[in-house]
């Protein structure tokens, strides 16, 4: 019978190859992450494009009320130096409080003396609340 030799495991050579492969993959990943970070940081800031405030492409409420006078209530002269737009929902308690306390004072001191144009933009004037429009215009007629 012949002697059989057991083969020795070659762990030292395999381990160095495995660690080299793992180290290379980790190094490549780190370099990739640093590169992506640098690309992100070095990009110039982009300006945010403003969205129009109203659907019709009008960007301010004064122009909107001038363009669509049936959707706003207007008091005072159109050539006044100061134009104030009240965005109001008459179901809101804060809007109600403003109309009961400050609105009459502003109307008396500034609108009646032709110093200010006072515009009221209300969601009640939108198409979805058409049945409530006559009531709001009655408020306008009662104020003068």
C-alpha atoms as a PDB file:
ATOM      1  CA  UNK A   1       0.000   0.000   0.000  1.00  0.00           C
ATOM      2  CA  UNK A   2       1.117   3.369  -0.778  1.00  0.00           C
ATOM      3  CA  UNK A   3       1.084   6.227   1.560  1.00  0.00           C
ATOM      4  CA  UNK A   4      -1.529   8.832   1.008  1.00  0.00           C
ATOM      5  CA  UNK A   5      -0.643  12.347   1.769  1.00  0.00           C
ATOM      6  CA  UNK A   6      -3.215  14.736   2.964  1.00  0.00           C
ATOM      7  CA  UNK A   7      -3.198  17.967   1.089  1.00  0.00           C
ATOM      8  CA  UNK A   8      -2.732  20.971   3.220  1.00  0.00           C
ATOM      9  CA  UNK A   9      -5.184  23.825   2.881  1.00  0.00           C
ATOM     10  CA  UNK A  10      -3.564  26.846   1.361  1.00  0.00           C
ATOM     11  CA  UNK A  11      -5.284  29.412   3.538  1.00  0.00           C
ATOM     12  CA  UNK A  12      -2.564  32.033   3.574  1.00  0.00           C
ATOM     13  CA  UNK A  13      -2.519  32.535  -0.197  1.00  0.00           C
ATOM     14  CA  UNK A  14      -6.325  32.560  -0.553  1.00  0.00           C
ATOM     15  CA  UNK A  15      -6.824  35.011   2.294  1.00  0.00           C
ATOM     16  CA  UNK A  16      -4.499  37.582   0.821  1.00  0.00           C
ATOM     17  CA  UNK A  17      -6.336  37.402  -2.519  1.00  0.00           C
ATOM     18  CA  UNK A  18      -9.744  37.672  -0.856  1.00  0.00           C
ATOM     19  CA  UNK A  19      -8.716  40.671   1.250  1.00  0.00           C
ATOM     20  CA  UNK A  20      -7.232  42.333  -1.782  1.00  0.00           C
ATOM     21  CA  UNK A  21     -10.491  41.886  -3.683  1.00  0.00           C
ATOM     22  CA  UNK A  22     -12.635  43.098  -0.776  1.00  0.00           C
ATOM     23  CA  UNK A  23     -10.328  46.050  -0.155  1.00  0.00           C
ATOM     24  CA  UNK A  24     -10.468  47.012  -3.840  1.00  0.00           C
ATOM     25  CA  UNK A  25     -14.275  46.914  -3.880  1.00  0.00           C
ATOM     26  CA  UNK A  26     -14.500  49.020  -0.710  1.00  0.00           C
ATOM     27  CA  UNK A  27     -11.955  51.498  -2.061  1.00  0.00           C
ATOM     28  CA  UNK A  28     -13.834  51.795  -5.351  1.00  0.00           C
ATOM     29  CA  UNK A  29     -17.093  52.376  -3.458  1.00  0.00           C
ATOM     30  CA  UNK A  30     -15.529  55.110  -1.303  1.00  0.00           C
ATOM     31  CA  UNK A  31     -14.067  56.849  -4.359  1.00  0.00           C
ATOM     32  CA  UNK A  32     -17.463  56.662  -6.109  1.00  0.00           C
ATOM     33  CA  UNK A  33     -19.291  58.141  -3.101  1.00  0.00           C
ATOM     34  CA  UNK A  34     -16.769  60.973  -2.786  1.00  0.00           C
ATOM     35  CA  UNK A  35     -17.101  61.687  -6.514  1.00  0.00           C
ATOM     36  CA  UNK A  36     -20.900  61.812  -6.311  1.00  0.00           C
ATOM     37  CA  UNK A  37     -20.699  64.093  -3.277  1.00  0.00           C
ATOM     38  CA  UNK A  38     -18.356  66.463  -5.107  1.00  0.00           C
ATOM     39  CA  UNK A  39     -20.582  66.537  -8.192  1.00  0.00           C
ATOM     40  CA  UNK A  40     -23.593  67.341  -6.013  1.00  0.00           C
ATOM     41  CA  UNK A  41     -21.833  70.079  -4.054  1.00  0.00           C
ATOM     42  CA  UNK A  42     -20.214  71.693  -7.094  1.00  0.00           C
ATOM     43  CA  UNK A  43     -23.463  72.160  -9.038  1.00  0.00           C
ATOM     44  CA  UNK A  44     -24.620  75.789  -9.194  1.00  0.00           C
ATOM     45  CA  UNK A  45     -27.892  76.498  -7.417  1.00  0.00           C
ATOM     46  CA  UNK A  46     -30.891  76.489  -9.689  1.00  0.00           C
ATOM     47  CA  UNK A  47     -33.492  79.214  -9.436  1.00  0.00           C
ATOM     48  CA  UNK A  48     -36.937  78.059  -8.469  1.00  0.00           C
ATOM     49  CA  UNK A  49     -39.524  79.080 -11.007  1.00  0.00           C
ATOM     50  CA  UNK A  50     -42.405  80.859  -9.303  1.00  0.00           C
ATOM     51  CA  UNK A  51     -45.816  79.364  -9.687  1.00  0.00           C
ATOM     52  CA  UNK A  52     -48.570  81.760 -10.618  1.00  0.00           C
ATOM     53  CA  UNK A  53     -50.850  82.603  -7.739  1.00  0.00           C
ATOM     54  CA  UNK A  54     -53.976  82.403  -9.837  1.00  0.00           C
ATOM     55  CA  UNK A  55     -55.026  80.085 -12.628  1.00  0.00           C
ATOM     56  CA  UNK A  56     -55.491  82.768 -15.242  1.00  0.00           C
ATOM     57  CA  UNK A  57     -51.771  83.597 -15.237  1.00  0.00           C
ATOM     58  CA  UNK A  58     -52.170  86.793 -13.197  1.00  0.00           C
ATOM     59  CA  UNK A  59     -49.510  86.997 -10.502  1.00  0.00           C
ATOM     60  CA  UNK A  60     -51.031  89.582  -8.166  1.00  0.00           C
ATOM     61  CA  UNK A  61     -54.532  90.050  -6.818  1.00  0.00           C
ATOM     62  CA  UNK A  62     -54.879  93.719  -7.789  1.00  0.00           C
ATOM     63  CA  UNK A  63     -54.380  92.850 -11.458  1.00  0.00           C
ATOM     64  CA  UNK A  64     -56.683  89.867 -11.025  1.00  0.00           C
ATOM     65  CA  UNK A  65     -59.426  92.061  -9.554  1.00  0.00           C
ATOM     66  CA  UNK A  66     -58.955  94.617 -12.338  1.00  0.00           C
ATOM     67  CA  UNK A  67     -59.148  91.874 -14.972  1.00  0.00           C
ATOM     68  CA  UNK A  68     -62.137  90.091 -13.418  1.00  0.00           C
ATOM     69  CA  UNK A  69     -64.212  92.747 -11.596  1.00  0.00           C
ATOM     70  CA  UNK A  70     -67.114  90.332 -11.125  1.00  0.00           C
ATOM     71  CA  UNK A  71     -64.939  88.184  -8.827  1.00  0.00           C
ATOM     72  CA  UNK A  72     -63.850  90.961  -6.449  1.00  0.00           C
ATOM     73  CA  UNK A  73     -65.435  93.795  -4.526  1.00  0.00           C
ATOM     74  CA  UNK A  74     -63.771  97.165  -5.015  1.00  0.00           C
ATOM     75  CA  UNK A  75     -64.085 100.271  -2.854  1.00  0.00           C
ATOM     76  CA  UNK A  76     -62.324 103.587  -3.314  1.00  0.00           C
ATOM     77  CA  UNK A  77     -60.655 105.226  -6.290  1.00  0.00           C
ATOM     78  CA  UNK A  78     -58.758 103.116  -8.816  1.00  0.00           C
ATOM     79  CA  UNK A  79     -55.887 105.617  -8.905  1.00  0.00           C
ATOM     80  CA  UNK A  80     -55.272 105.552  -5.137  1.00  0.00           C
ATOM     81  CA  UNK A  81     -51.657 105.389  -3.977  1.00  0.00           C
ATOM     82  CA  UNK A  82     -52.322 102.462  -1.617  1.00  0.00           C
ATOM     83  CA  UNK A  83     -54.173  99.339  -2.693  1.00  0.00           C
ATOM     84  CA  UNK A  84     -55.189  96.818  -0.058  1.00  0.00           C
ATOM     85  CA  UNK A  85     -56.508  93.382  -0.968  1.00  0.00           C
ATOM     86  CA  UNK A  86     -58.414  91.471   1.664  1.00  0.00           C
ATOM     87  CA  UNK A  87     -58.554  87.738   1.031  1.00  0.00           C
ATOM     88  CA  UNK A  88     -61.525  86.793   3.091  1.00  0.00           C
ATOM     89  CA  UNK A  89     -63.831  83.891   3.682  1.00  0.00           C
ATOM     90  CA  UNK A  90     -66.924  84.986   5.527  1.00  0.00           C
ATOM     91  CA  UNK A  91     -67.212  81.616   7.221  1.00  0.00           C
ATOM     92  CA  UNK A  92     -63.851  82.131   8.961  1.00  0.00           C
ATOM     93  CA  UNK A  93     -64.010  83.478  12.526  1.00  0.00           C
ATOM     94  CA  UNK A  94     -60.831  85.536  12.074  1.00  0.00           C
ATOM     95  CA  UNK A  95     -62.188  87.161   8.909  1.00  0.00           C
ATOM     96  CA  UNK A  96     -65.419  87.868  10.756  1.00  0.00           C
ATOM     97  CA  UNK A  97     -63.480  89.457  13.612  1.00  0.00           C
ATOM     98  CA  UNK A  98     -61.512  91.633  11.165  1.00  0.00           C
ATOM     99  CA  UNK A  99     -64.691  92.752   9.405  1.00  0.00           C
ATOM    100  CA  UNK A 100     -66.384  93.607  12.698  1.00  0.00           C
ATOM    101  CA  UNK A 101     -63.461  95.545  14.185  1.00  0.00           C
ATOM    102  CA  UNK A 102     -60.902  96.856  11.696  1.00  0.00           C
ATOM    103  CA  UNK A 103     -62.649  96.863   8.343  1.00  0.00           C
ATOM    104  CA  UNK A 104     -65.099  99.645   9.180  1.00  0.00           C
ATOM    105  CA  UNK A 105     -62.297 101.801  10.595  1.00  0.00           C
ATOM    106  CA  UNK A 106     -60.127 101.306   7.484  1.00  0.00           C
ATOM    107  CA  UNK A 107     -63.084 102.049   5.251  1.00  0.00           C
ATOM    108  CA  UNK A 108     -63.965 105.218   7.154  1.00  0.00           C
ATOM    109  CA  UNK A 109     -60.458 106.665   7.543  1.00  0.00           C
ATOM    110  CA  UNK A 110     -58.820 105.686   4.265  1.00  0.00           C
ATOM    111  CA  UNK A 111     -61.321 104.592   1.623  1.00  0.00           C
ATOM    112  CA  UNK A 112     -63.853 107.380   2.136  1.00  0.00           C
ATOM    113  CA  UNK A 113     -61.043 109.965   2.080  1.00  0.00           C
ATOM    114  CA  UNK A 114     -59.765 108.511  -1.242  1.00  0.00           C
ATOM    115  CA  UNK A 115     -56.365 107.578   0.207  1.00  0.00           C
ATOM    116  CA  UNK A 116     -56.725 103.841  -0.346  1.00  0.00           C
ATOM    117  CA  UNK A 117     -58.343 101.410  -2.739  1.00  0.00           C
ATOM    118  CA  UNK A 118     -59.837  98.496  -0.819  1.00  0.00           C
ATOM    119  CA  UNK A 119     -60.367  95.239  -2.719  1.00  0.00           C
ATOM    120  CA  UNK A 120     -62.066  92.162  -1.297  1.00  0.00           C
ATOM    121  CA  UNK A 121     -61.161  88.825  -2.866  1.00  0.00           C
ATOM    122  CA  UNK A 122     -63.311  86.054  -1.502  1.00  0.00           C
ATOM    123  CA  UNK A 123     -63.608  82.356  -2.268  1.00  0.00           C
ATOM    124  CA  UNK A 124     -67.361  83.022  -2.253  1.00  0.00           C
ATOM    125  CA  UNK A 125     -66.926  84.586  -5.673  1.00  0.00           C
ATOM    126  CA  UNK A 126     -65.643  81.342  -7.189  1.00  0.00           C
ATOM    127  CA  UNK A 127     -67.886  79.321  -9.471  1.00  0.00           C
ATOM    128  CA  UNK A 128     -68.348  76.519  -6.959  1.00  0.00           C
ATOM    129  CA  UNK A 129     -70.145  78.837  -4.544  1.00  0.00           C
ATOM    130  CA  UNK A 130     -72.376  80.660  -7.042  1.00  0.00           C
ATOM    131  CA  UNK A 131     -75.560  80.505  -4.918  1.00  0.00           C
ATOM    132  CA  UNK A 132     -73.856  82.598  -2.200  1.00  0.00           C
ATOM    133  CA  UNK A 133     -72.733  85.410  -4.530  1.00  0.00           C
ATOM    134  CA  UNK A 134     -75.930  87.511  -4.313  1.00  0.00           C
ATOM    135  CA  UNK A 135     -75.687  87.579  -0.509  1.00  0.00           C
ATOM    136  CA  UNK A 136     -72.130  88.880  -0.655  1.00  0.00           C
ATOM    137  CA  UNK A 137     -73.066  91.577  -3.138  1.00  0.00           C
ATOM    138  CA  UNK A 138     -75.913  92.613  -0.825  1.00  0.00           C
ATOM    139  CA  UNK A 139     -73.227  93.261   1.786  1.00  0.00           C
ATOM    140  CA  UNK A 140     -71.409  95.421  -0.759  1.00  0.00           C
ATOM    141  CA  UNK A 141     -74.533  97.438  -1.579  1.00  0.00           C
ATOM    142  CA  UNK A 142     -75.315  98.001   2.093  1.00  0.00           C
ATOM    143  CA  UNK A 143     -71.822  99.451   2.698  1.00  0.00           C
ATOM    144  CA  UNK A 144     -72.220 102.021  -0.068  1.00  0.00           C
END
